[in-house]
């Protein structure tokens, strides 16, 4: 599987993502500048974290107009996988590829810490190859606007369609207010589209790819995806 890592002005997790995919997991990956339009060579597109265009107006509000995003939409329309991490999640929501929006953390503070993620959807291509004995992933967050909001009717829809893939929990998998770092509705940390090929999450799996960093649970998400295409 070949990964394309999109770089917008202000993106800063692109190199971490490249290192995790190419150096740690030995997957083929390349950087893709936001002005490019041809991404046909890539099997999966990753929109990494950062502050695209300085987060002016809103997080992801300007990035959605970049030329590359029309190509990302066509890529997704073909059923090919797309992963949005942190700012990438925000961009996917702003672009209409995922429902809801990300707003300022409830605490009004930037959060940079380890969190526990409970796997909510085991049928997703991003989780279905993870061992059933592993229900919790330890992955860090780094954001000021990670508070996921969504209208009541849409929330019901994403629940009914099993689109919630990760929730913030304690280390035992209990979903609590105390384990919610940003105030996200229903402790939502990651969702997919109805088709299941687009996934957005606020935590950074690329920053949890090596044990020396504190966890290698982030690998499991990418490995599950690749396992579905072998």
C-alpha atoms as a PDB file:
ATOM      1  CA  UNK A   1       0.000   0.000   0.000  1.00  0.00           C
ATOM      2  CA  UNK A   2       1.293   3.427  -0.957  1.00  0.00           C
ATOM      3  CA  UNK A   3       0.518   6.397   1.292  1.00  0.00           C
ATOM      4  CA  UNK A   4       0.329  10.026   0.204  1.00  0.00           C
ATOM      5  CA  UNK A   5       0.913  12.522   3.023  1.00  0.00           C
ATOM      6  CA  UNK A   6      -0.551  15.929   2.234  1.00  0.00           C
ATOM      7  CA  UNK A   7       1.330  19.054   3.272  1.00  0.00           C
ATOM      8  CA  UNK A   8      -0.458  22.390   3.635  1.00  0.00           C
ATOM      9  CA  UNK A   9       1.273  25.605   4.694  1.00  0.00           C
ATOM     10  CA  UNK A  10       1.390  25.199   8.480  1.00  0.00           C
ATOM     11  CA  UNK A  11       1.288  21.395   8.561  1.00  0.00           C
ATOM     12  CA  UNK A  12       3.799  20.097  11.113  1.00  0.00           C
ATOM     13  CA  UNK A  13       3.097  16.390  11.692  1.00  0.00           C
ATOM     14  CA  UNK A  14       3.961  15.405   8.136  1.00  0.00           C
ATOM     15  CA  UNK A  15       7.492  14.257   8.992  1.00  0.00           C
ATOM     16  CA  UNK A  16       6.314  12.334  12.044  1.00  0.00           C
ATOM     17  CA  UNK A  17       3.766  10.588   9.842  1.00  0.00           C
ATOM     18  CA  UNK A  18       6.386   9.824   7.198  1.00  0.00           C
ATOM     19  CA  UNK A  19       8.797   8.450   9.800  1.00  0.00           C
ATOM     20  CA  UNK A  20       6.114   6.212  11.322  1.00  0.00           C
ATOM     21  CA  UNK A  21       4.928   4.879   7.968  1.00  0.00           C
ATOM     22  CA  UNK A  22       8.225   4.618   6.078  1.00  0.00           C
ATOM     23  CA  UNK A  23      10.961   4.164   8.672  1.00  0.00           C
ATOM     24  CA  UNK A  24       9.110   2.301  11.418  1.00  0.00           C
ATOM     25  CA  UNK A  25       6.539   0.250   9.487  1.00  0.00           C
ATOM     26  CA  UNK A  26       8.396   0.096   6.167  1.00  0.00           C
ATOM     27  CA  UNK A  27       5.439   1.256   4.064  1.00  0.00           C
ATOM     28  CA  UNK A  28       5.846   3.197   0.842  1.00  0.00           C
ATOM     29  CA  UNK A  29       4.932   6.833   1.475  1.00  0.00           C
ATOM     30  CA  UNK A  30       5.568  10.219  -0.095  1.00  0.00           C
ATOM     31  CA  UNK A  31       4.764  13.851   0.596  1.00  0.00           C
ATOM     32  CA  UNK A  32       2.120  15.555  -1.537  1.00  0.00           C
ATOM     33  CA  UNK A  33       2.049  19.357  -1.738  1.00  0.00           C
ATOM     34  CA  UNK A  34      -1.386  20.982  -1.368  1.00  0.00           C
ATOM     35  CA  UNK A  35      -1.235  22.514  -4.861  1.00  0.00           C
ATOM     36  CA  UNK A  36      -0.950  19.145  -6.562  1.00  0.00           C
ATOM     37  CA  UNK A  37      -3.969  17.548  -8.188  1.00  0.00           C
ATOM     38  CA  UNK A  38      -2.890  14.086  -9.305  1.00  0.00           C
ATOM     39  CA  UNK A  39      -2.954  11.568  -6.444  1.00  0.00           C
ATOM     40  CA  UNK A  40      -3.903   8.536  -8.529  1.00  0.00           C
ATOM     41  CA  UNK A  41      -0.690   6.726  -7.594  1.00  0.00           C
ATOM     42  CA  UNK A  42      -1.649   6.557  -3.919  1.00  0.00           C
ATOM     43  CA  UNK A  43      -3.762   3.905  -2.244  1.00  0.00           C
ATOM     44  CA  UNK A  44      -4.338   5.873   0.956  1.00  0.00           C
ATOM     45  CA  UNK A  45      -4.247   9.615   1.587  1.00  0.00           C
ATOM     46  CA  UNK A  46      -3.227  10.902   5.010  1.00  0.00           C
ATOM     47  CA  UNK A  47      -3.947  14.476   6.083  1.00  0.00           C
ATOM     48  CA  UNK A  48      -1.670  14.985   9.102  1.00  0.00           C
ATOM     49  CA  UNK A  49      -1.857  17.368  12.026  1.00  0.00           C
ATOM     50  CA  UNK A  50      -0.671  20.929  12.327  1.00  0.00           C
ATOM     51  CA  UNK A  51      -2.066  24.408  11.858  1.00  0.00           C
ATOM     52  CA  UNK A  52      -2.913  24.607   8.162  1.00  0.00           C
ATOM     53  CA  UNK A  53      -2.873  28.248   7.046  1.00  0.00           C
ATOM     54  CA  UNK A  54      -2.308  29.214  10.680  1.00  0.00           C
ATOM     55  CA  UNK A  55      -5.830  28.063  11.612  1.00  0.00           C
ATOM     56  CA  UNK A  56      -7.088  31.468  10.463  1.00  0.00           C
ATOM     57  CA  UNK A  57     -10.882  31.833  10.265  1.00  0.00           C
ATOM     58  CA  UNK A  58     -11.356  28.292  11.646  1.00  0.00           C
ATOM     59  CA  UNK A  59      -9.282  25.144  11.789  1.00  0.00           C
ATOM     60  CA  UNK A  60      -9.314  23.694   8.284  1.00  0.00           C
ATOM     61  CA  UNK A  61     -11.553  26.436   6.884  1.00  0.00           C
ATOM     62  CA  UNK A  62      -8.969  27.639   4.348  1.00  0.00           C
ATOM     63  CA  UNK A  63      -7.345  24.279   3.636  1.00  0.00           C
ATOM     64  CA  UNK A  64     -10.621  22.930   2.283  1.00  0.00           C
ATOM     65  CA  UNK A  65     -10.220  25.273  -0.717  1.00  0.00           C
ATOM     66  CA  UNK A  66      -6.770  23.941  -1.666  1.00  0.00           C
ATOM     67  CA  UNK A  67      -6.590  22.280  -5.116  1.00  0.00           C
ATOM     68  CA  UNK A  68      -5.652  18.931  -3.563  1.00  0.00           C
ATOM     69  CA  UNK A  69      -8.985  18.628  -1.746  1.00  0.00           C
ATOM     70  CA  UNK A  70     -10.985  18.122  -4.949  1.00  0.00           C
ATOM     71  CA  UNK A  71      -8.670  15.213  -5.704  1.00  0.00           C
ATOM     72  CA  UNK A  72      -9.090  13.862  -2.170  1.00  0.00           C
ATOM     73  CA  UNK A  73     -12.857  13.904  -2.631  1.00  0.00           C
ATOM     74  CA  UNK A  74     -12.545  11.964  -5.893  1.00  0.00           C
ATOM     75  CA  UNK A  75     -10.118   9.550  -4.232  1.00  0.00           C
ATOM     76  CA  UNK A  76     -12.638   8.917  -1.448  1.00  0.00           C
ATOM     77  CA  UNK A  77     -15.523   8.631  -3.909  1.00  0.00           C
ATOM     78  CA  UNK A  78     -13.710   5.679  -5.484  1.00  0.00           C
ATOM     79  CA  UNK A  79     -13.753   3.957  -2.091  1.00  0.00           C
ATOM     80  CA  UNK A  80     -10.067   4.504  -1.406  1.00  0.00           C
ATOM     81  CA  UNK A  81      -9.082   5.159   2.228  1.00  0.00           C
ATOM     82  CA  UNK A  82      -8.477   8.620   3.659  1.00  0.00           C
ATOM     83  CA  UNK A  83      -7.149   9.317   7.154  1.00  0.00           C
ATOM     84  CA  UNK A  84      -7.376  12.736   8.805  1.00  0.00           C
ATOM     85  CA  UNK A  85      -5.342  13.203  11.979  1.00  0.00           C
ATOM     86  CA  UNK A  86      -6.001  16.174  14.287  1.00  0.00           C
ATOM     87  CA  UNK A  87      -5.965  19.141  11.876  1.00  0.00           C
ATOM     88  CA  UNK A  88      -6.623  16.562   9.168  1.00  0.00           C
ATOM     89  CA  UNK A  89      -9.824  15.570  10.969  1.00  0.00           C
ATOM     90  CA  UNK A  90     -10.807  19.237  11.131  1.00  0.00           C
ATOM     91  CA  UNK A  91     -10.161  19.631   7.399  1.00  0.00           C
ATOM     92  CA  UNK A  92     -12.270  16.565   6.571  1.00  0.00           C
ATOM     93  CA  UNK A  93     -15.168  17.989   8.579  1.00  0.00           C
ATOM     94  CA  UNK A  94     -14.813  21.432   6.983  1.00  0.00           C
ATOM     95  CA  UNK A  95     -14.740  19.791   3.548  1.00  0.00           C
ATOM     96  CA  UNK A  96     -17.957  17.890   4.221  1.00  0.00           C
ATOM     97  CA  UNK A  97     -16.278  14.492   3.986  1.00  0.00           C
ATOM     98  CA  UNK A  98     -17.113  13.797   7.628  1.00  0.00           C
ATOM     99  CA  UNK A  99     -20.041  15.073   9.720  1.00  0.00           C
ATOM    100  CA  UNK A 100     -19.745  17.493  12.610  1.00  0.00           C
ATOM    101  CA  UNK A 101     -17.094  20.037  13.524  1.00  0.00           C
ATOM    102  CA  UNK A 102     -14.183  20.549  15.901  1.00  0.00           C
ATOM    103  CA  UNK A 103     -14.235  23.602  18.170  1.00  0.00           C
ATOM    104  CA  UNK A 104     -12.207  24.967  21.086  1.00  0.00           C
ATOM    105  CA  UNK A 105     -11.531  22.602  23.958  1.00  0.00           C
ATOM    106  CA  UNK A 106     -14.035  22.997  26.762  1.00  0.00           C
ATOM    107  CA  UNK A 107     -11.214  24.029  29.099  1.00  0.00           C
ATOM    108  CA  UNK A 108     -10.091  26.710  26.611  1.00  0.00           C
ATOM    109  CA  UNK A 109      -6.590  25.293  27.039  1.00  0.00           C
ATOM    110  CA  UNK A 110      -4.230  23.548  24.647  1.00  0.00           C
ATOM    111  CA  UNK A 111      -3.998  19.855  25.550  1.00  0.00           C
ATOM    112  CA  UNK A 112      -0.856  17.811  24.980  1.00  0.00           C
ATOM    113  CA  UNK A 113      -1.077  14.514  26.849  1.00  0.00           C
ATOM    114  CA  UNK A 114      -1.571  10.775  26.581  1.00  0.00           C
ATOM    115  CA  UNK A 115      -5.129   9.498  26.320  1.00  0.00           C
ATOM    116  CA  UNK A 116      -6.765   6.093  26.234  1.00  0.00           C
ATOM    117  CA  UNK A 117      -8.987   5.229  23.292  1.00  0.00           C
ATOM    118  CA  UNK A 118     -11.677   2.587  23.503  1.00  0.00           C
ATOM    119  CA  UNK A 119     -12.278   0.847  20.173  1.00  0.00           C
ATOM    120  CA  UNK A 120     -15.985   1.266  19.449  1.00  0.00           C
ATOM    121  CA  UNK A 121     -16.170  -0.205  15.954  1.00  0.00           C
ATOM    122  CA  UNK A 122     -14.424  -3.523  15.357  1.00  0.00           C
ATOM    123  CA  UNK A 123     -15.703  -3.897  11.800  1.00  0.00           C
ATOM    124  CA  UNK A 124     -13.846  -0.886  10.420  1.00  0.00           C
ATOM    125  CA  UNK A 125     -10.886  -1.407   8.084  1.00  0.00           C
ATOM    126  CA  UNK A 126      -8.928   0.732  10.544  1.00  0.00           C
ATOM    127  CA  UNK A 127      -9.549  -1.622  13.492  1.00  0.00           C
ATOM    128  CA  UNK A 128     -10.721  -5.046  12.273  1.00  0.00           C
ATOM    129  CA  UNK A 129      -7.197  -6.514  12.254  1.00  0.00           C
ATOM    130  CA  UNK A 130      -6.432  -5.427  15.824  1.00  0.00           C
ATOM    131  CA  UNK A 131      -6.466  -8.351  18.250  1.00  0.00           C
ATOM    132  CA  UNK A 132      -9.743  -8.697  20.120  1.00  0.00           C
ATOM    133  CA  UNK A 133      -7.779  -8.847  23.365  1.00  0.00           C
ATOM    134  CA  UNK A 134      -6.674  -5.237  22.813  1.00  0.00           C
ATOM    135  CA  UNK A 135      -9.624  -2.966  23.474  1.00  0.00           C
ATOM    136  CA  UNK A 136      -7.700   0.148  24.509  1.00  0.00           C
ATOM    137  CA  UNK A 137      -5.119   2.133  22.557  1.00  0.00           C
ATOM    138  CA  UNK A 138      -2.697   4.515  24.269  1.00  0.00           C
ATOM    139  CA  UNK A 139      -2.168   7.457  21.913  1.00  0.00           C
ATOM    140  CA  UNK A 140      -1.298  11.138  22.549  1.00  0.00           C
ATOM    141  CA  UNK A 141      -3.293  14.255  21.730  1.00  0.00           C
ATOM    142  CA  UNK A 142      -1.955  17.709  20.900  1.00  0.00           C
ATOM    143  CA  UNK A 143      -4.669  20.236  20.145  1.00  0.00           C
ATOM    144  CA  UNK A 144      -6.490  23.358  21.228  1.00  0.00           C
ATOM    145  CA  UNK A 145      -9.621  22.726  19.185  1.00  0.00           C
ATOM    146  CA  UNK A 146     -10.481  19.066  19.506  1.00  0.00           C
ATOM    147  CA  UNK A 147     -13.953  19.381  20.972  1.00  0.00           C
ATOM    148  CA  UNK A 148     -16.150  17.397  18.579  1.00  0.00           C
ATOM    149  CA  UNK A 149     -19.668  18.753  18.162  1.00  0.00           C
ATOM    150  CA  UNK A 150     -22.516  17.538  16.008  1.00  0.00           C
ATOM    151  CA  UNK A 151     -26.242  18.128  15.717  1.00  0.00           C
ATOM    152  CA  UNK A 152     -28.540  15.791  17.620  1.00  0.00           C
ATOM    153  CA  UNK A 153     -30.031  14.146  14.526  1.00  0.00           C
ATOM    154  CA  UNK A 154     -26.604  13.619  12.984  1.00  0.00           C
ATOM    155  CA  UNK A 155     -25.292  12.141  16.230  1.00  0.00           C
ATOM    156  CA  UNK A 156     -28.117   9.608  16.163  1.00  0.00           C
ATOM    157  CA  UNK A 157     -27.280   8.813  12.550  1.00  0.00           C
ATOM    158  CA  UNK A 158     -23.571   8.200  13.162  1.00  0.00           C
ATOM    159  CA  UNK A 159     -24.451   6.004  16.127  1.00  0.00           C
ATOM    160  CA  UNK A 160     -26.991   4.022  14.109  1.00  0.00           C
ATOM    161  CA  UNK A 161     -24.462   3.557  11.293  1.00  0.00           C
ATOM    162  CA  UNK A 162     -21.677   2.517  13.662  1.00  0.00           C
ATOM    163  CA  UNK A 163     -19.512   5.430  12.547  1.00  0.00           C
ATOM    164  CA  UNK A 164     -17.990   6.145  15.954  1.00  0.00           C
ATOM    165  CA  UNK A 165     -14.665   4.328  15.864  1.00  0.00           C
ATOM    166  CA  UNK A 166     -12.911   5.617  19.013  1.00  0.00           C
ATOM    167  CA  UNK A 167     -14.014   7.109  22.321  1.00  0.00           C
ATOM    168  CA  UNK A 168     -11.911   8.631  25.084  1.00  0.00           C
ATOM    169  CA  UNK A 169     -11.894   6.302  28.091  1.00  0.00           C
ATOM    170  CA  UNK A 170      -9.922   5.439  31.188  1.00  0.00           C
ATOM    171  CA  UNK A 171      -7.273   2.728  31.037  1.00  0.00           C
ATOM    172  CA  UNK A 172      -9.908   0.100  31.775  1.00  0.00           C
ATOM    173  CA  UNK A 173     -12.131   1.128  28.877  1.00  0.00           C
ATOM    174  CA  UNK A 174     -14.710   2.952  30.961  1.00  0.00           C
ATOM    175  CA  UNK A 175     -16.018   6.033  29.157  1.00  0.00           C
ATOM    176  CA  UNK A 176     -16.162   8.827  31.732  1.00  0.00           C
ATOM    177  CA  UNK A 177     -16.263  12.612  31.901  1.00  0.00           C
ATOM    178  CA  UNK A 178     -12.871  12.551  33.602  1.00  0.00           C
ATOM    179  CA  UNK A 179     -11.332  10.739  30.627  1.00  0.00           C
ATOM    180  CA  UNK A 180     -12.656  13.294  28.134  1.00  0.00           C
ATOM    181  CA  UNK A 181      -9.808  15.774  27.491  1.00  0.00           C
ATOM    182  CA  UNK A 182     -11.674  18.331  25.419  1.00  0.00           C
ATOM    183  CA  UNK A 183     -15.425  18.097  26.033  1.00  0.00           C
ATOM    184  CA  UNK A 184     -16.257  16.161  22.858  1.00  0.00           C
ATOM    185  CA  UNK A 185     -19.858  15.008  22.753  1.00  0.00           C
ATOM    186  CA  UNK A 186     -20.179  11.394  23.922  1.00  0.00           C
ATOM    187  CA  UNK A 187     -16.375  11.290  24.387  1.00  0.00           C
ATOM    188  CA  UNK A 188     -15.971  10.902  20.616  1.00  0.00           C
ATOM    189  CA  UNK A 189     -12.314  10.776  19.561  1.00  0.00           C
ATOM    190  CA  UNK A 190     -12.706   9.452  16.020  1.00  0.00           C
ATOM    191  CA  UNK A 191     -15.376   8.739  13.413  1.00  0.00           C
ATOM    192  CA  UNK A 192     -15.748   7.365   9.901  1.00  0.00           C
ATOM    193  CA  UNK A 193     -18.036   8.210   7.023  1.00  0.00           C
ATOM    194  CA  UNK A 194     -21.001   5.934   6.271  1.00  0.00           C
ATOM    195  CA  UNK A 195     -19.035   3.994   3.678  1.00  0.00           C
ATOM    196  CA  UNK A 196     -16.236   3.431   6.180  1.00  0.00           C
ATOM    197  CA  UNK A 197     -13.294   4.415   3.977  1.00  0.00           C
ATOM    198  CA  UNK A 198     -12.750   7.876   5.504  1.00  0.00           C
ATOM    199  CA  UNK A 199     -11.586   8.147   9.100  1.00  0.00           C
ATOM    200  CA  UNK A 200     -10.878  11.218  11.196  1.00  0.00           C
ATOM    201  CA  UNK A 201      -9.413  11.216  14.690  1.00  0.00           C
ATOM    202  CA  UNK A 202      -7.987  13.872  17.001  1.00  0.00           C
ATOM    203  CA  UNK A 203      -5.291  11.708  18.690  1.00  0.00           C
ATOM    204  CA  UNK A 204      -1.992  11.203  16.840  1.00  0.00           C
ATOM    205  CA  UNK A 205      -1.301   7.524  15.998  1.00  0.00           C
ATOM    206  CA  UNK A 206       1.922   8.486  14.205  1.00  0.00           C
ATOM    207  CA  UNK A 207       3.295   9.740  17.530  1.00  0.00           C
ATOM    208  CA  UNK A 208       2.657   6.340  19.122  1.00  0.00           C
ATOM    209  CA  UNK A 209       4.529   4.143  16.663  1.00  0.00           C
ATOM    210  CA  UNK A 210       7.598   3.293  18.752  1.00  0.00           C
ATOM    211  CA  UNK A 211       7.831   1.983  22.295  1.00  0.00           C
ATOM    212  CA  UNK A 212      10.628   4.435  23.061  1.00  0.00           C
ATOM    213  CA  UNK A 213       8.047   7.214  22.650  1.00  0.00           C
ATOM    214  CA  UNK A 214       5.745   5.628  25.230  1.00  0.00           C
ATOM    215  CA  UNK A 215       3.481   3.468  23.073  1.00  0.00           C
ATOM    216  CA  UNK A 216       3.377   1.689  19.736  1.00  0.00           C
ATOM    217  CA  UNK A 217      -0.412   1.308  19.695  1.00  0.00           C
ATOM    218  CA  UNK A 218      -0.686   3.822  16.866  1.00  0.00           C
ATOM    219  CA  UNK A 219       0.870   1.292  14.507  1.00  0.00           C
ATOM    220  CA  UNK A 220      -2.132  -0.976  14.921  1.00  0.00           C
ATOM    221  CA  UNK A 221      -4.437   1.425  13.090  1.00  0.00           C
ATOM    222  CA  UNK A 222      -2.204   1.628  10.010  1.00  0.00           C
ATOM    223  CA  UNK A 223      -1.425  -2.093  10.134  1.00  0.00           C
ATOM    224  CA  UNK A 224      -5.121  -2.935  10.268  1.00  0.00           C
ATOM    225  CA  UNK A 225      -5.752  -0.801   7.194  1.00  0.00           C
ATOM    226  CA  UNK A 226      -2.895  -2.377   5.247  1.00  0.00           C
ATOM    227  CA  UNK A 227      -4.033  -5.845   6.334  1.00  0.00           C
ATOM    228  CA  UNK A 228      -7.320  -5.288   4.529  1.00  0.00           C
ATOM    229  CA  UNK A 229      -5.522  -4.739   1.238  1.00  0.00           C
ATOM    230  CA  UNK A 230      -3.035  -7.612   1.300  1.00  0.00           C
END
